């Protein structure tokens, strides 16, 4: 019977070179797996942020579009006020007017109950430092932030023939506005710090005033 020392000497082992090669192979495999995990994580972050930005853009556009469409309520058919009037430059935004009190004029110091809700006769949307704000006369004490997750927003005003209305802030031109085209570029609330993961979504909507022919 072999001695214990002879038995141990007879056992084959790994050489240093074999161990180094094995470690290198394991390192390459792990590096590949890490790259796949990082790529998948980045794609998930980008996808989640894009979905959030799209949702923000849709909500902003939907709210403004709905209020534009019902703008210009003029039960006495006086045609004495424009449904939409752009803010004078350098301001960006517009004013929606509705004669809720049916007195033939726009009163910014009154509140009328419409379908159980207090309504002012003018709604103003404006943009300040990439923050979109909304204020309703006599209802809001100060402008309310609609969203601050935008990088740009623009408004194009069109007449009944779909031509662009020049100087839509002027009292003489504002009554010609029939459609407002809004383009907004929105960001997620928590924008990624990495340039590879930063996203923004640009959406456009056209809203036509229903209360004016």
C-alpha atoms as a PDB file:
ATOM      1  CA  UNK A   1       0.000   0.000   0.000  1.00  0.00           C
ATOM      2  CA  UNK A   2       1.255   3.435  -0.956  1.00  0.00           C
ATOM      3  CA  UNK A   3       2.182   5.815   1.810  1.00  0.00           C
ATOM      4  CA  UNK A   4       0.138   8.986   2.310  1.00  0.00           C
ATOM      5  CA  UNK A   5       3.036  11.103   0.989  1.00  0.00           C
ATOM      6  CA  UNK A   6       3.263   9.040  -2.178  1.00  0.00           C
ATOM      7  CA  UNK A   7      -0.507   9.224  -2.663  1.00  0.00           C
ATOM      8  CA  UNK A   8      -0.484  12.989  -2.407  1.00  0.00           C
ATOM      9  CA  UNK A   9       2.395  13.282  -4.848  1.00  0.00           C
ATOM     10  CA  UNK A  10       0.488  11.181  -7.358  1.00  0.00           C
ATOM     11  CA  UNK A  11      -2.556  13.544  -7.423  1.00  0.00           C
ATOM     12  CA  UNK A  12      -2.606  15.804 -10.509  1.00  0.00           C
ATOM     13  CA  UNK A  13      -3.232  19.565  -9.767  1.00  0.00           C
ATOM     14  CA  UNK A  14      -3.672  22.903 -11.611  1.00  0.00           C
ATOM     15  CA  UNK A  15      -0.704  24.828 -12.765  1.00  0.00           C
ATOM     16  CA  UNK A  16      -0.450  28.570 -12.217  1.00  0.00           C
ATOM     17  CA  UNK A  17      -0.839  29.165 -15.941  1.00  0.00           C
ATOM     18  CA  UNK A  18      -4.094  27.173 -16.032  1.00  0.00           C
ATOM     19  CA  UNK A  19      -5.481  29.141 -13.096  1.00  0.00           C
ATOM     20  CA  UNK A  20      -4.582  32.435 -14.768  1.00  0.00           C
ATOM     21  CA  UNK A  21      -6.283  31.389 -18.009  1.00  0.00           C
ATOM     22  CA  UNK A  22      -9.403  30.305 -16.087  1.00  0.00           C
ATOM     23  CA  UNK A  23      -9.512  33.602 -14.195  1.00  0.00           C
ATOM     24  CA  UNK A  24      -9.166  35.537 -17.447  1.00  0.00           C
ATOM     25  CA  UNK A  25     -12.040  33.600 -19.063  1.00  0.00           C
ATOM     26  CA  UNK A  26     -14.265  34.157 -16.029  1.00  0.00           C
ATOM     27  CA  UNK A  27     -13.383  37.875 -16.113  1.00  0.00           C
ATOM     28  CA  UNK A  28     -14.340  38.164 -19.789  1.00  0.00           C
ATOM     29  CA  UNK A  29     -17.672  36.393 -19.179  1.00  0.00           C
ATOM     30  CA  UNK A  30     -18.477  38.583 -16.165  1.00  0.00           C
ATOM     31  CA  UNK A  31     -17.579  41.741 -18.086  1.00  0.00           C
ATOM     32  CA  UNK A  32     -19.961  40.691 -20.864  1.00  0.00           C
ATOM     33  CA  UNK A  33     -22.742  40.025 -18.365  1.00  0.00           C
ATOM     34  CA  UNK A  34     -22.157  43.392 -16.682  1.00  0.00           C
ATOM     35  CA  UNK A  35     -22.358  45.135 -20.053  1.00  0.00           C
ATOM     36  CA  UNK A  36     -25.659  43.408 -20.808  1.00  0.00           C
ATOM     37  CA  UNK A  37     -27.084  44.368 -17.408  1.00  0.00           C
ATOM     38  CA  UNK A  38     -26.011  47.995 -17.800  1.00  0.00           C
ATOM     39  CA  UNK A  39     -27.438  48.153 -21.324  1.00  0.00           C
ATOM     40  CA  UNK A  40     -30.737  46.672 -20.173  1.00  0.00           C
ATOM     41  CA  UNK A  41     -30.917  49.071 -17.229  1.00  0.00           C
ATOM     42  CA  UNK A  42     -30.237  52.044 -19.485  1.00  0.00           C
ATOM     43  CA  UNK A  43     -32.917  50.973 -21.952  1.00  0.00           C
ATOM     44  CA  UNK A  44     -35.420  50.588 -19.109  1.00  0.00           C
ATOM     45  CA  UNK A  45     -34.639  54.074 -17.726  1.00  0.00           C
ATOM     46  CA  UNK A  46     -34.914  55.651 -21.181  1.00  0.00           C
ATOM     47  CA  UNK A  47     -38.189  53.842 -21.884  1.00  0.00           C
ATOM     48  CA  UNK A  48     -39.700  54.803 -18.530  1.00  0.00           C
ATOM     49  CA  UNK A  49     -38.645  58.440 -18.915  1.00  0.00           C
ATOM     50  CA  UNK A  50     -39.982  58.613 -22.467  1.00  0.00           C
ATOM     51  CA  UNK A  51     -43.336  57.190 -21.354  1.00  0.00           C
ATOM     52  CA  UNK A  52     -43.513  59.728 -18.521  1.00  0.00           C
ATOM     53  CA  UNK A  53     -42.645  62.614 -20.844  1.00  0.00           C
ATOM     54  CA  UNK A  54     -45.281  61.487 -23.362  1.00  0.00           C
ATOM     55  CA  UNK A  55     -47.888  61.330 -20.621  1.00  0.00           C
ATOM     56  CA  UNK A  56     -46.953  64.824 -19.414  1.00  0.00           C
ATOM     57  CA  UNK A  57     -47.200  66.218 -22.942  1.00  0.00           C
ATOM     58  CA  UNK A  58     -50.581  64.568 -23.541  1.00  0.00           C
ATOM     59  CA  UNK A  59     -52.049  65.877 -20.288  1.00  0.00           C
ATOM     60  CA  UNK A  60     -50.875  69.425 -20.957  1.00  0.00           C
ATOM     61  CA  UNK A  61     -52.127  69.462 -24.544  1.00  0.00           C
ATOM     62  CA  UNK A  62     -55.450  67.822 -23.681  1.00  0.00           C
ATOM     63  CA  UNK A  63     -56.290  70.350 -20.987  1.00  0.00           C
ATOM     64  CA  UNK A  64     -55.478  73.386 -23.114  1.00  0.00           C
ATOM     65  CA  UNK A  65     -57.208  71.947 -26.170  1.00  0.00           C
ATOM     66  CA  UNK A  66     -60.444  71.282 -24.306  1.00  0.00           C
ATOM     67  CA  UNK A  67     -60.588  74.824 -22.948  1.00  0.00           C
ATOM     68  CA  UNK A  68     -59.785  76.306 -26.357  1.00  0.00           C
ATOM     69  CA  UNK A  69     -62.573  74.308 -28.000  1.00  0.00           C
ATOM     70  CA  UNK A  70     -65.220  75.647 -25.615  1.00  0.00           C
ATOM     71  CA  UNK A  71     -63.790  79.179 -25.650  1.00  0.00           C
ATOM     72  CA  UNK A  72     -65.732  82.134 -26.976  1.00  0.00           C
ATOM     73  CA  UNK A  73     -69.057  81.308 -25.304  1.00  0.00           C
ATOM     74  CA  UNK A  74     -71.248  84.200 -26.427  1.00  0.00           C
ATOM     75  CA  UNK A  75     -74.911  83.397 -25.658  1.00  0.00           C
ATOM     76  CA  UNK A  76     -76.118  86.811 -26.855  1.00  0.00           C
ATOM     77  CA  UNK A  77     -74.111  86.613 -30.087  1.00  0.00           C
ATOM     78  CA  UNK A  78     -72.619  90.020 -29.480  1.00  0.00           C
ATOM     79  CA  UNK A  79     -69.283  89.166 -31.140  1.00  0.00           C
ATOM     80  CA  UNK A  80     -67.836  91.926 -28.981  1.00  0.00           C
ATOM     81  CA  UNK A  81     -64.903  89.874 -27.681  1.00  0.00           C
ATOM     82  CA  UNK A  82     -62.453  87.395 -29.232  1.00  0.00           C
ATOM     83  CA  UNK A  83     -62.596  83.770 -28.146  1.00  0.00           C
ATOM     84  CA  UNK A  84     -58.793  83.609 -28.082  1.00  0.00           C
ATOM     85  CA  UNK A  85     -56.248  86.384 -27.925  1.00  0.00           C
ATOM     86  CA  UNK A  86     -52.485  85.891 -27.839  1.00  0.00           C
ATOM     87  CA  UNK A  87     -50.449  87.625 -25.177  1.00  0.00           C
ATOM     88  CA  UNK A  88     -48.427  90.584 -26.385  1.00  0.00           C
ATOM     89  CA  UNK A  89     -44.716  89.846 -27.015  1.00  0.00           C
ATOM     90  CA  UNK A  90     -42.378  89.126 -25.358  1.00  0.00           C
ATOM     91  CA  UNK A  91     -44.914  87.129 -23.364  1.00  0.00           C
ATOM     92  CA  UNK A  92     -45.854  83.651 -24.582  1.00  0.00           C
ATOM     93  CA  UNK A  93     -49.383  82.358 -24.148  1.00  0.00           C
ATOM     94  CA  UNK A  94     -53.002  83.309 -24.739  1.00  0.00           C
ATOM     95  CA  UNK A  95     -56.267  84.325 -23.094  1.00  0.00           C
ATOM     96  CA  UNK A  96     -59.557  82.435 -23.456  1.00  0.00           C
ATOM     97  CA  UNK A  97     -62.754  84.435 -22.932  1.00  0.00           C
ATOM     98  CA  UNK A  98     -66.282  83.179 -22.152  1.00  0.00           C
ATOM     99  CA  UNK A  99     -69.368  85.227 -21.327  1.00  0.00           C
ATOM    100  CA  UNK A 100     -70.578  82.872 -18.596  1.00  0.00           C
ATOM    101  CA  UNK A 101     -72.773  85.571 -17.030  1.00  0.00           C
ATOM    102  CA  UNK A 102     -74.517  86.178 -20.364  1.00  0.00           C
ATOM    103  CA  UNK A 103     -74.408  89.939 -19.965  1.00  0.00           C
ATOM    104  CA  UNK A 104     -72.888  90.544 -23.391  1.00  0.00           C
ATOM    105  CA  UNK A 105     -69.386  91.411 -22.180  1.00  0.00           C
ATOM    106  CA  UNK A 106     -66.358  89.891 -20.459  1.00  0.00           C
ATOM    107  CA  UNK A 107     -66.157  90.709 -16.753  1.00  0.00           C
ATOM    108  CA  UNK A 108     -62.903  89.768 -15.031  1.00  0.00           C
ATOM    109  CA  UNK A 109     -64.203  90.646 -11.578  1.00  0.00           C
ATOM    110  CA  UNK A 110     -67.136  88.246 -11.402  1.00  0.00           C
ATOM    111  CA  UNK A 111     -67.634  84.528 -10.800  1.00  0.00           C
ATOM    112  CA  UNK A 112     -70.436  82.517 -12.365  1.00  0.00           C
ATOM    113  CA  UNK A 113     -71.430  79.023 -11.286  1.00  0.00           C
ATOM    114  CA  UNK A 114     -71.366  76.746 -14.349  1.00  0.00           C
ATOM    115  CA  UNK A 115     -72.378  73.106 -13.919  1.00  0.00           C
ATOM    116  CA  UNK A 116     -71.774  73.396 -10.193  1.00  0.00           C
ATOM    117  CA  UNK A 117     -68.297  74.934 -10.514  1.00  0.00           C
ATOM    118  CA  UNK A 118     -67.117  78.502 -10.058  1.00  0.00           C
ATOM    119  CA  UNK A 119     -65.926  79.941 -13.362  1.00  0.00           C
ATOM    120  CA  UNK A 120     -64.182  83.160 -14.226  1.00  0.00           C
ATOM    121  CA  UNK A 121     -64.708  84.727 -17.625  1.00  0.00           C
ATOM    122  CA  UNK A 122     -61.056  84.722 -18.651  1.00  0.00           C
ATOM    123  CA  UNK A 123     -58.459  81.967 -18.535  1.00  0.00           C
ATOM    124  CA  UNK A 124     -54.846  82.889 -19.148  1.00  0.00           C
ATOM    125  CA  UNK A 125     -52.108  80.454 -20.100  1.00  0.00           C
ATOM    126  CA  UNK A 126     -48.583  81.826 -20.012  1.00  0.00           C
ATOM    127  CA  UNK A 127     -45.033  80.491 -20.021  1.00  0.00           C
ATOM    128  CA  UNK A 128     -42.401  81.747 -17.594  1.00  0.00           C
ATOM    129  CA  UNK A 129     -38.927  80.156 -17.587  1.00  0.00           C
ATOM    130  CA  UNK A 130     -40.195  76.919 -19.157  1.00  0.00           C
ATOM    131  CA  UNK A 131     -43.045  76.729 -16.662  1.00  0.00           C
ATOM    132  CA  UNK A 132     -46.566  76.628 -18.091  1.00  0.00           C
ATOM    133  CA  UNK A 133     -49.042  78.436 -15.854  1.00  0.00           C
ATOM    134  CA  UNK A 134     -52.828  78.828 -15.830  1.00  0.00           C
ATOM    135  CA  UNK A 135     -54.932  81.455 -14.080  1.00  0.00           C
ATOM    136  CA  UNK A 136     -58.696  81.939 -14.099  1.00  0.00           C
ATOM    137  CA  UNK A 137     -60.021  85.384 -13.308  1.00  0.00           C
ATOM    138  CA  UNK A 138     -61.442  85.729  -9.785  1.00  0.00           C
ATOM    139  CA  UNK A 139     -60.992  81.970  -9.234  1.00  0.00           C
ATOM    140  CA  UNK A 140     -57.213  81.809  -8.864  1.00  0.00           C
ATOM    141  CA  UNK A 141     -55.483  84.256  -6.550  1.00  0.00           C
ATOM    142  CA  UNK A 142     -52.260  83.705  -8.503  1.00  0.00           C
ATOM    143  CA  UNK A 143     -51.189  81.682 -11.555  1.00  0.00           C
ATOM    144  CA  UNK A 144     -51.166  77.929 -10.981  1.00  0.00           C
ATOM    145  CA  UNK A 145     -48.330  75.826 -12.396  1.00  0.00           C
ATOM    146  CA  UNK A 146     -49.632  73.341 -14.954  1.00  0.00           C
ATOM    147  CA  UNK A 147     -46.211  71.808 -15.547  1.00  0.00           C
ATOM    148  CA  UNK A 148     -42.583  72.767 -15.222  1.00  0.00           C
ATOM    149  CA  UNK A 149     -41.418  69.664 -17.107  1.00  0.00           C
ATOM    150  CA  UNK A 150     -41.190  71.324 -20.514  1.00  0.00           C
ATOM    151  CA  UNK A 151     -38.198  72.517 -22.472  1.00  0.00           C
ATOM    152  CA  UNK A 152     -40.175  74.469 -25.073  1.00  0.00           C
ATOM    153  CA  UNK A 153     -43.712  75.345 -26.114  1.00  0.00           C
ATOM    154  CA  UNK A 154     -45.042  77.322 -29.060  1.00  0.00           C
ATOM    155  CA  UNK A 155     -48.433  78.514 -30.289  1.00  0.00           C
ATOM    156  CA  UNK A 156     -49.601  79.118 -33.860  1.00  0.00           C
ATOM    157  CA  UNK A 157     -52.906  80.879 -34.427  1.00  0.00           C
ATOM    158  CA  UNK A 158     -54.941  80.223 -37.582  1.00  0.00           C
ATOM    159  CA  UNK A 159     -58.057  81.760 -39.109  1.00  0.00           C
ATOM    160  CA  UNK A 160     -61.121  80.065 -40.592  1.00  0.00           C
ATOM    161  CA  UNK A 161     -59.198  79.339 -43.803  1.00  0.00           C
ATOM    162  CA  UNK A 162     -56.303  77.830 -41.829  1.00  0.00           C
ATOM    163  CA  UNK A 163     -54.027  80.754 -42.593  1.00  0.00           C
ATOM    164  CA  UNK A 164     -51.677  81.995 -39.899  1.00  0.00           C
ATOM    165  CA  UNK A 165     -53.009  85.043 -38.059  1.00  0.00           C
ATOM    166  CA  UNK A 166     -50.313  87.694 -37.901  1.00  0.00           C
ATOM    167  CA  UNK A 167     -49.993  89.708 -34.699  1.00  0.00           C
ATOM    168  CA  UNK A 168     -52.654  87.631 -32.930  1.00  0.00           C
ATOM    169  CA  UNK A 169     -52.260  89.772 -29.820  1.00  0.00           C
ATOM    170  CA  UNK A 170     -53.775  92.827 -31.519  1.00  0.00           C
ATOM    171  CA  UNK A 171     -57.428  93.548 -30.776  1.00  0.00           C
ATOM    172  CA  UNK A 172     -58.116  93.920 -34.507  1.00  0.00           C
ATOM    173  CA  UNK A 173     -56.656  90.498 -35.399  1.00  0.00           C
ATOM    174  CA  UNK A 174     -57.585  88.325 -32.421  1.00  0.00           C
ATOM    175  CA  UNK A 175     -61.246  87.880 -33.530  1.00  0.00           C
ATOM    176  CA  UNK A 176     -59.946  86.046 -36.615  1.00  0.00           C
ATOM    177  CA  UNK A 177     -58.483  83.219 -34.551  1.00  0.00           C
ATOM    178  CA  UNK A 178     -60.341  79.951 -35.054  1.00  0.00           C
ATOM    179  CA  UNK A 179     -57.649  77.339 -34.399  1.00  0.00           C
ATOM    180  CA  UNK A 180     -54.683  77.170 -32.066  1.00  0.00           C
ATOM    181  CA  UNK A 181     -51.829  74.816 -32.886  1.00  0.00           C
ATOM    182  CA  UNK A 182     -49.746  73.923 -29.847  1.00  0.00           C
ATOM    183  CA  UNK A 183     -46.352  72.236 -29.938  1.00  0.00           C
ATOM    184  CA  UNK A 184     -44.782  71.211 -26.652  1.00  0.00           C
ATOM    185  CA  UNK A 185     -41.527  69.451 -25.858  1.00  0.00           C
ATOM    186  CA  UNK A 186     -41.814  67.744 -22.480  1.00  0.00           C
ATOM    187  CA  UNK A 187     -39.256  66.136 -20.185  1.00  0.00           C
ATOM    188  CA  UNK A 188     -39.757  63.541 -17.430  1.00  0.00           C
ATOM    189  CA  UNK A 189     -40.090  64.954 -13.920  1.00  0.00           C
ATOM    190  CA  UNK A 190     -36.751  63.432 -12.953  1.00  0.00           C
ATOM    191  CA  UNK A 191     -34.547  63.871 -15.990  1.00  0.00           C
ATOM    192  CA  UNK A 192     -31.537  61.532 -16.079  1.00  0.00           C
ATOM    193  CA  UNK A 193     -28.119  63.077 -15.513  1.00  0.00           C
ATOM    194  CA  UNK A 194     -26.483  60.868 -18.121  1.00  0.00           C
ATOM    195  CA  UNK A 195     -26.712  62.257 -21.668  1.00  0.00           C
ATOM    196  CA  UNK A 196     -27.314  58.719 -22.942  1.00  0.00           C
ATOM    197  CA  UNK A 197     -30.433  58.454 -20.755  1.00  0.00           C
ATOM    198  CA  UNK A 198     -31.870  61.952 -21.224  1.00  0.00           C
ATOM    199  CA  UNK A 199     -35.097  62.021 -23.203  1.00  0.00           C
ATOM    200  CA  UNK A 200     -37.646  64.566 -24.376  1.00  0.00           C
ATOM    201  CA  UNK A 201     -40.863  64.145 -26.333  1.00  0.00           C
ATOM    202  CA  UNK A 202     -42.364  66.654 -28.767  1.00  0.00           C
ATOM    203  CA  UNK A 203     -46.111  66.573 -29.399  1.00  0.00           C
ATOM    204  CA  UNK A 204     -48.454  68.803 -31.382  1.00  0.00           C
ATOM    205  CA  UNK A 205     -52.211  69.306 -31.225  1.00  0.00           C
ATOM    206  CA  UNK A 206     -54.660  71.529 -33.080  1.00  0.00           C
ATOM    207  CA  UNK A 207     -57.751  72.789 -31.266  1.00  0.00           C
ATOM    208  CA  UNK A 208     -60.570  74.614 -33.073  1.00  0.00           C
ATOM    209  CA  UNK A 209     -62.914  77.037 -31.338  1.00  0.00           C
ATOM    210  CA  UNK A 210     -66.412  75.547 -31.573  1.00  0.00           C
ATOM    211  CA  UNK A 211     -68.338  78.633 -30.529  1.00  0.00           C
ATOM    212  CA  UNK A 212     -67.264  80.721 -33.525  1.00  0.00           C
ATOM    213  CA  UNK A 213     -68.099  80.062 -37.162  1.00  0.00           C
END
